[in-house]
Amino acid sequence: MEYDKSQRRTNKAGPSETERSVMAKILIAEDDEKIGDNARNPKIIETVWGAEYRLNG
């Protein structure tokens, strides 16, 4: 059986887990940039995956 692009199923459930993870990383990087924090060595807000953010103070 040959695969035809017109037979491809569409993902009606929304973005995949990988796509959501990439979107989250982009949003976090943008937040870090807005507050002037370094994402690799955060001084102000630390991102904790699965638990949102932690304020370093």
Protein backbone atom coordinates (compact mmCIF):
# COMPACT_ATOMS: atom_id res chain seq x y z
CA MET A 1 0.00 0.00 0.00
CA GLU A 2 1.38 3.37 -0.99
CA TYR A 3 1.13 6.38 1.24
CA ASP A 4 -0.58 9.42 -0.23
CA LYS A 5 -0.35 12.84 1.42
CA SER A 6 -4.09 13.34 0.91
CA GLN A 7 -4.68 10.31 3.16
CA ARG A 8 -2.68 11.76 6.04
CA ARG A 9 -4.64 12.16 9.25
CA THR A 10 -4.79 15.60 10.78
CA ASN A 11 -4.01 16.20 14.43
CA LYS A 12 -7.24 17.65 15.78
CA ALA A 13 -6.12 17.36 19.39
CA GLY A 14 -3.76 20.34 19.10
CA PRO A 15 0.02 20.51 19.30
CA SER A 16 2.01 17.43 20.26
CA GLU A 17 3.91 17.19 23.53
CA THR A 18 7.14 18.04 21.71
CA GLU A 19 5.57 21.10 20.09
CA ARG A 20 4.20 22.27 23.45
CA SER A 21 7.64 21.82 25.02
CA VAL A 22 9.28 23.92 22.28
CA MET A 23 6.63 26.63 22.64
CA ALA A 24 7.18 26.70 26.42
CA LYS A 25 10.96 27.05 25.99
CA ILE A 26 10.46 29.96 23.60
CA LEU A 27 8.06 31.73 25.98
CA ILE A 28 10.42 31.22 28.93
CA ALA A 29 13.36 32.59 26.94
CA GLU A 30 11.29 35.64 26.00
CA ASP A 31 10.34 36.19 29.67
CA ASP A 32 14.00 35.93 30.72
CA GLU A 33 14.96 38.48 28.06
CA LYS A 34 12.22 40.90 29.17
CA ILE A 35 13.40 40.97 32.78
CA GLY A 36 17.08 40.98 31.85
CA ASP A 37 17.88 37.59 33.38
CA ASN A 38 20.34 35.06 31.99
CA ALA A 39 18.51 31.81 31.12
CA ARG A 40 21.64 29.67 31.64
CA ASN A 41 22.43 31.18 35.05
CA PRO A 42 19.23 32.76 36.38
CA LYS A 43 19.58 35.31 39.15
CA ILE A 44 15.97 36.51 39.38
CA ILE A 45 13.57 33.79 38.25
CA GLU A 46 14.48 30.11 37.92
CA THR A 47 12.38 27.89 35.66
CA VAL A 48 11.41 24.60 37.31
CA TRP A 49 9.96 22.21 34.72
CA GLY A 50 6.62 20.87 35.90
CA ALA A 51 6.42 23.39 38.73
CA GLU A 52 6.42 26.75 36.90
CA TYR A 53 8.88 29.35 38.25
CA ARG A 54 10.85 29.91 41.45
CA LEU A 55 11.75 33.41 42.62
CA ASN A 56 15.38 33.69 43.66
CA GLY A 57 15.75 36.47 46.13
